Amino acid sequence: MLIAQPATTQDYPQLVDLWQASVAGSHDFLSAADQRALATELPGYFDQVELVKWSDETALIGFSGRVGDELVMLFLAPHVFGHGYGHQIITQLDQQAPLRRVDVNEQNHAARQFYARQGFTVARRDPLDGAGRPYPILHLVR
């Protein structure tokens, strides 16, 4: 069973740790310097979204952040990749209010395939990420 709880500032260090593990397992295209920079920027992003931490019966397995109908972030612990938790999270978020948009790194092939299975399609592409880094972003809609 998946348990959703609003995240608080006290959760931020644990969420950043989970993000770092998730990125290490899924974002091999990010440079180490960019990973470190993003980790320090992450708490500022947390403050701008509806941040939810997700747990199974035993431990934290991920977190999500949304703004309106846009999924801004979804990160899972590497040991639960491919176990259906991402789909369950999307389903629960859709039940609250349907998600219509999400951005994904073009180089993150697993995430692109995951979001395609959730019904998202590419609407447009930007050659740089939001911070001007050389990581193309795909803007997905459904």
C-alpha atoms as a PDB file:
ATOM      1  CA  MET A   1       0.000   0.000   0.000  1.00  0.00           C
ATOM      2  CA  LEU A   2       1.271   3.438  -0.955  1.00  0.00           C
ATOM      3  CA  ILE A   3       1.052   6.174   1.688  1.00  0.00           C
ATOM      4  CA  ALA A   4       1.086   9.870   0.696  1.00  0.00           C
ATOM      5  CA  GLN A   5       1.960  12.593   3.181  1.00  0.00           C
ATOM      6  CA  PRO A   6       2.633  16.290   2.675  1.00  0.00           C
ATOM      7  CA  ALA A   7       6.350  16.926   3.016  1.00  0.00           C
ATOM      8  CA  THR A   8       7.673  19.582   5.385  1.00  0.00           C
ATOM      9  CA  THR A   9      10.957  21.453   5.578  1.00  0.00           C
ATOM     10  CA  GLN A  10      12.116  18.876   8.144  1.00  0.00           C
ATOM     11  CA  ASP A  11      11.836  16.248   5.376  1.00  0.00           C
ATOM     12  CA  TYR A  12      14.058  18.158   2.941  1.00  0.00           C
ATOM     13  CA  PRO A  13      17.396  16.529   3.885  1.00  0.00           C
ATOM     14  CA  GLN A  14      15.923  13.035   3.461  1.00  0.00           C
ATOM     15  CA  LEU A  15      14.293  14.028   0.167  1.00  0.00           C
ATOM     16  CA  VAL A  16      17.549  15.471  -1.151  1.00  0.00           C
ATOM     17  CA  ASP A  17      19.298  12.200  -0.217  1.00  0.00           C
ATOM     18  CA  LEU A  18      16.618  10.227  -2.045  1.00  0.00           C
ATOM     19  CA  TRP A  19      16.930  12.566  -5.042  1.00  0.00           C
ATOM     20  CA  GLN A  20      20.701  12.025  -5.158  1.00  0.00           C
ATOM     21  CA  ALA A  21      20.265   8.234  -5.104  1.00  0.00           C
ATOM     22  CA  SER A  22      17.522   8.395  -7.730  1.00  0.00           C
ATOM     23  CA  VAL A  23      19.567  10.631 -10.023  1.00  0.00           C
ATOM     24  CA  ALA A  24      22.637   8.411  -9.607  1.00  0.00           C
ATOM     25  CA  GLY A  25      20.491   5.518 -10.841  1.00  0.00           C
ATOM     26  CA  SER A  26      18.712   7.296 -13.684  1.00  0.00           C
ATOM     27  CA  HIS A  27      20.514  10.453 -14.838  1.00  0.00           C
ATOM     28  CA  ASP A  28      23.877   9.196 -16.068  1.00  0.00           C
ATOM     29  CA  PHE A  29      23.993  12.137 -18.494  1.00  0.00           C
ATOM     30  CA  LEU A  30      24.325  14.726 -15.689  1.00  0.00           C
ATOM     31  CA  SER A  31      27.838  15.802 -14.804  1.00  0.00           C
ATOM     32  CA  ALA A  32      28.928  15.360 -11.192  1.00  0.00           C
ATOM     33  CA  ALA A  33      29.236  19.143 -10.849  1.00  0.00           C
ATOM     34  CA  ASP A  34      25.682  19.657 -12.100  1.00  0.00           C
ATOM     35  CA  GLN A  35      24.392  16.959  -9.752  1.00  0.00           C
ATOM     36  CA  ARG A  36      26.011  18.740  -6.801  1.00  0.00           C
ATOM     37  CA  ALA A  37      24.652  22.119  -7.923  1.00  0.00           C
ATOM     38  CA  LEU A  38      21.136  20.754  -8.403  1.00  0.00           C
ATOM     39  CA  ALA A  39      21.215  19.091  -4.972  1.00  0.00           C
ATOM     40  CA  THR A  40      21.904  22.459  -3.344  1.00  0.00           C
ATOM     41  CA  GLU A  41      19.149  24.140  -5.421  1.00  0.00           C
ATOM     42  CA  LEU A  42      16.538  21.468  -4.738  1.00  0.00           C
ATOM     43  CA  PRO A  43      15.166  22.802  -1.413  1.00  0.00           C
ATOM     44  CA  GLY A  44      14.312  26.073  -3.175  1.00  0.00           C
ATOM     45  CA  TYR A  45      12.288  24.096  -5.727  1.00  0.00           C
ATOM     46  CA  PHE A  46      10.562  22.175  -2.925  1.00  0.00           C
ATOM     47  CA  ASP A  47       9.216  25.466  -1.588  1.00  0.00           C
ATOM     48  CA  GLN A  48       7.479  26.194  -4.916  1.00  0.00           C
ATOM     49  CA  VAL A  49       5.464  22.981  -5.324  1.00  0.00           C
ATOM     50  CA  GLU A  50       2.849  20.871  -3.617  1.00  0.00           C
ATOM     51  CA  LEU A  51       5.401  18.424  -2.230  1.00  0.00           C
ATOM     52  CA  VAL A  52       4.323  14.905  -1.265  1.00  0.00           C
ATOM     53  CA  LYS A  53       6.461  12.146   0.190  1.00  0.00           C
ATOM     54  CA  TRP A  54       5.485   8.592  -0.697  1.00  0.00           C
ATOM     55  CA  SER A  55       6.090   5.544   1.468  1.00  0.00           C
ATOM     56  CA  ASP A  56       5.276   1.876   1.383  1.00  0.00           C
ATOM     57  CA  GLU A  57       4.530   0.109   4.665  1.00  0.00           C
ATOM     58  CA  THR A  58       8.188   0.217   5.692  1.00  0.00           C
ATOM     59  CA  ALA A  59      10.058   3.216   4.260  1.00  0.00           C
ATOM     60  CA  LEU A  60      10.145   6.330   2.119  1.00  0.00           C
ATOM     61  CA  ILE A  61      10.184   5.294  -1.544  1.00  0.00           C
ATOM     62  CA  GLY A  62       9.855   8.623  -3.346  1.00  0.00           C
ATOM     63  CA  PHE A  63       8.478  12.116  -3.597  1.00  0.00           C
ATOM     64  CA  SER A  64       6.493  14.197  -6.040  1.00  0.00           C
ATOM     65  CA  GLY A  65       5.881  17.862  -6.588  1.00  0.00           C
ATOM     66  CA  ARG A  66       3.110  19.444  -8.581  1.00  0.00           C
ATOM     67  CA  VAL A  67       1.879  22.894  -9.469  1.00  0.00           C
ATOM     68  CA  GLY A  68      -1.721  22.779 -10.651  1.00  0.00           C
ATOM     69  CA  ASP A  69      -1.975  20.284 -13.497  1.00  0.00           C
ATOM     70  CA  GLU A  70       1.803  20.005 -13.973  1.00  0.00           C
ATOM     71  CA  LEU A  71       3.932  17.292 -12.415  1.00  0.00           C
ATOM     72  CA  VAL A  72       7.117  19.199 -11.667  1.00  0.00           C
ATOM     73  CA  MET A  73       9.072  16.391 -10.015  1.00  0.00           C
ATOM     74  CA  LEU A  74       8.776  12.672  -9.396  1.00  0.00           C
ATOM     75  CA  PHE A  75      11.724  10.782  -7.964  1.00  0.00           C
ATOM     76  CA  LEU A  76      11.848   7.242  -6.648  1.00  0.00           C
ATOM     77  CA  ALA A  77      14.431   5.331  -4.658  1.00  0.00           C
ATOM     78  CA  PRO A  78      16.451   3.176  -7.074  1.00  0.00           C
ATOM     79  CA  HIS A  79      15.513  -0.075  -5.324  1.00  0.00           C
ATOM     80  CA  VAL A  80      11.859   0.456  -6.339  1.00  0.00           C
ATOM     81  CA  PHE A  81      12.479   1.352 -10.002  1.00  0.00           C
ATOM     82  CA  GLY A  82      10.266  -0.841 -12.175  1.00  0.00           C
ATOM     83  CA  HIS A  83       7.978  -1.997  -9.349  1.00  0.00           C
ATOM     84  CA  GLY A  84       4.898   0.017 -10.371  1.00  0.00           C
ATOM     85  CA  TYR A  85       5.170   2.721  -7.726  1.00  0.00           C
ATOM     86  CA  GLY A  86       5.520   5.520 -10.289  1.00  0.00           C
ATOM     87  CA  HIS A  87       2.287   4.434 -11.963  1.00  0.00           C
ATOM     88  CA  GLN A  88       0.535   4.238  -8.585  1.00  0.00           C
ATOM     89  CA  ILE A  89       1.717   7.744  -7.699  1.00  0.00           C
ATOM     90  CA  ILE A  90       0.533   9.169 -11.035  1.00  0.00           C
ATOM     91  CA  THR A  91      -2.826   7.423 -10.550  1.00  0.00           C
ATOM     92  CA  GLN A  92      -3.272   8.850  -7.044  1.00  0.00           C
ATOM     93  CA  LEU A  93      -2.266  12.339  -8.173  1.00  0.00           C
ATOM     94  CA  ASP A  94      -4.686  12.102 -11.110  1.00  0.00           C
ATOM     95  CA  GLN A  95      -7.487  11.204  -8.713  1.00  0.00           C
ATOM     96  CA  GLN A  96      -6.886  14.445  -6.808  1.00  0.00           C
ATOM     97  CA  ALA A  97      -6.745  16.525 -10.008  1.00  0.00           C
ATOM     98  CA  PRO A  98      -5.703  15.240 -13.440  1.00  0.00           C
ATOM     99  CA  LEU A  99      -2.119  15.839 -14.464  1.00  0.00           C
ATOM    100  CA  ARG A 100      -1.832  17.386 -17.923  1.00  0.00           C
ATOM    101  CA  ARG A 101       1.835  18.374 -18.211  1.00  0.00           C
ATOM    102  CA  VAL A 102       5.290  17.139 -17.253  1.00  0.00           C
ATOM    103  CA  ASP A 103       8.815  17.956 -18.383  1.00  0.00           C
ATOM    104  CA  VAL A 104      11.476  15.282 -18.794  1.00  0.00           C
ATOM    105  CA  ASN A 105      15.135  15.299 -19.717  1.00  0.00           C
ATOM    106  CA  GLU A 106      15.475  14.122 -23.295  1.00  0.00           C
ATOM    107  CA  GLN A 107      18.420  11.896 -22.300  1.00  0.00           C
ATOM    108  CA  ASN A 108      16.394  10.118 -19.581  1.00  0.00           C
ATOM    109  CA  HIS A 109      15.069   7.338 -21.803  1.00  0.00           C
ATOM    110  CA  ALA A 110      13.490   5.326 -18.979  1.00  0.00           C
ATOM    111  CA  ALA A 111      11.499   8.354 -17.792  1.00  0.00           C
ATOM    112  CA  ARG A 112      10.413   9.163 -21.341  1.00  0.00           C
ATOM    113  CA  GLN A 113       9.094   5.614 -21.760  1.00  0.00           C
ATOM    114  CA  PHE A 114       7.413   5.736 -18.344  1.00  0.00           C
ATOM    115  CA  TYR A 115       5.552   8.961 -19.139  1.00  0.00           C
ATOM    116  CA  ALA A 116       4.559   7.647 -22.580  1.00  0.00           C
ATOM    117  CA  ARG A 117       2.933   4.662 -20.819  1.00  0.00           C
ATOM    118  CA  GLN A 118       1.065   7.171 -18.626  1.00  0.00           C
ATOM    119  CA  GLY A 119      -0.403   8.786 -21.743  1.00  0.00           C
ATOM    120  CA  PHE A 120       1.953  11.755 -22.170  1.00  0.00           C
ATOM    121  CA  THR A 121       3.231  12.828 -25.586  1.00  0.00           C
ATOM    122  CA  VAL A 122       5.881  15.333 -26.637  1.00  0.00           C
ATOM    123  CA  ALA A 123       4.491  18.810 -27.297  1.00  0.00           C
ATOM    124  CA  ARG A 124       7.792  20.641 -27.726  1.00  0.00           C
ATOM    125  CA  ARG A 125      11.514  20.533 -27.006  1.00  0.00           C
ATOM    126  CA  ASP A 126      13.894  23.064 -25.489  1.00  0.00           C
ATOM    127  CA  PRO A 127      17.636  22.595 -26.120  1.00  0.00           C
ATOM    128  CA  LEU A 128      18.553  23.704 -22.568  1.00  0.00           C
ATOM    129  CA  ASP A 129      17.077  22.991 -19.155  1.00  0.00           C
ATOM    130  CA  GLY A 130      15.419  25.737 -17.114  1.00  0.00           C
ATOM    131  CA  ALA A 131      18.759  26.826 -15.661  1.00  0.00           C
ATOM    132  CA  GLY A 132      20.421  27.060 -19.068  1.00  0.00           C
ATOM    133  CA  ARG A 133      22.343  23.817 -18.724  1.00  0.00           C
ATOM    134  CA  PRO A 134      22.950  21.704 -21.851  1.00  0.00           C
ATOM    135  CA  TYR A 135      20.314  19.084 -21.023  1.00  0.00           C
ATOM    136  CA  PRO A 136      17.435  19.234 -23.529  1.00  0.00           C
ATOM    137  CA  ILE A 137      13.958  19.223 -22.011  1.00  0.00           C
ATOM    138  CA  LEU A 138      10.895  17.607 -23.552  1.00  0.00           C
ATOM    139  CA  HIS A 139       7.594  19.208 -22.589  1.00  0.00           C
ATOM    140  CA  LEU A 140       4.964  16.471 -22.447  1.00  0.00           C
ATOM    141  CA  VAL A 141       1.179  16.802 -22.412  1.00  0.00           C
ATOM    142  CA  ARG A 142      -1.880  14.601 -22.276  1.00  0.00           C
END
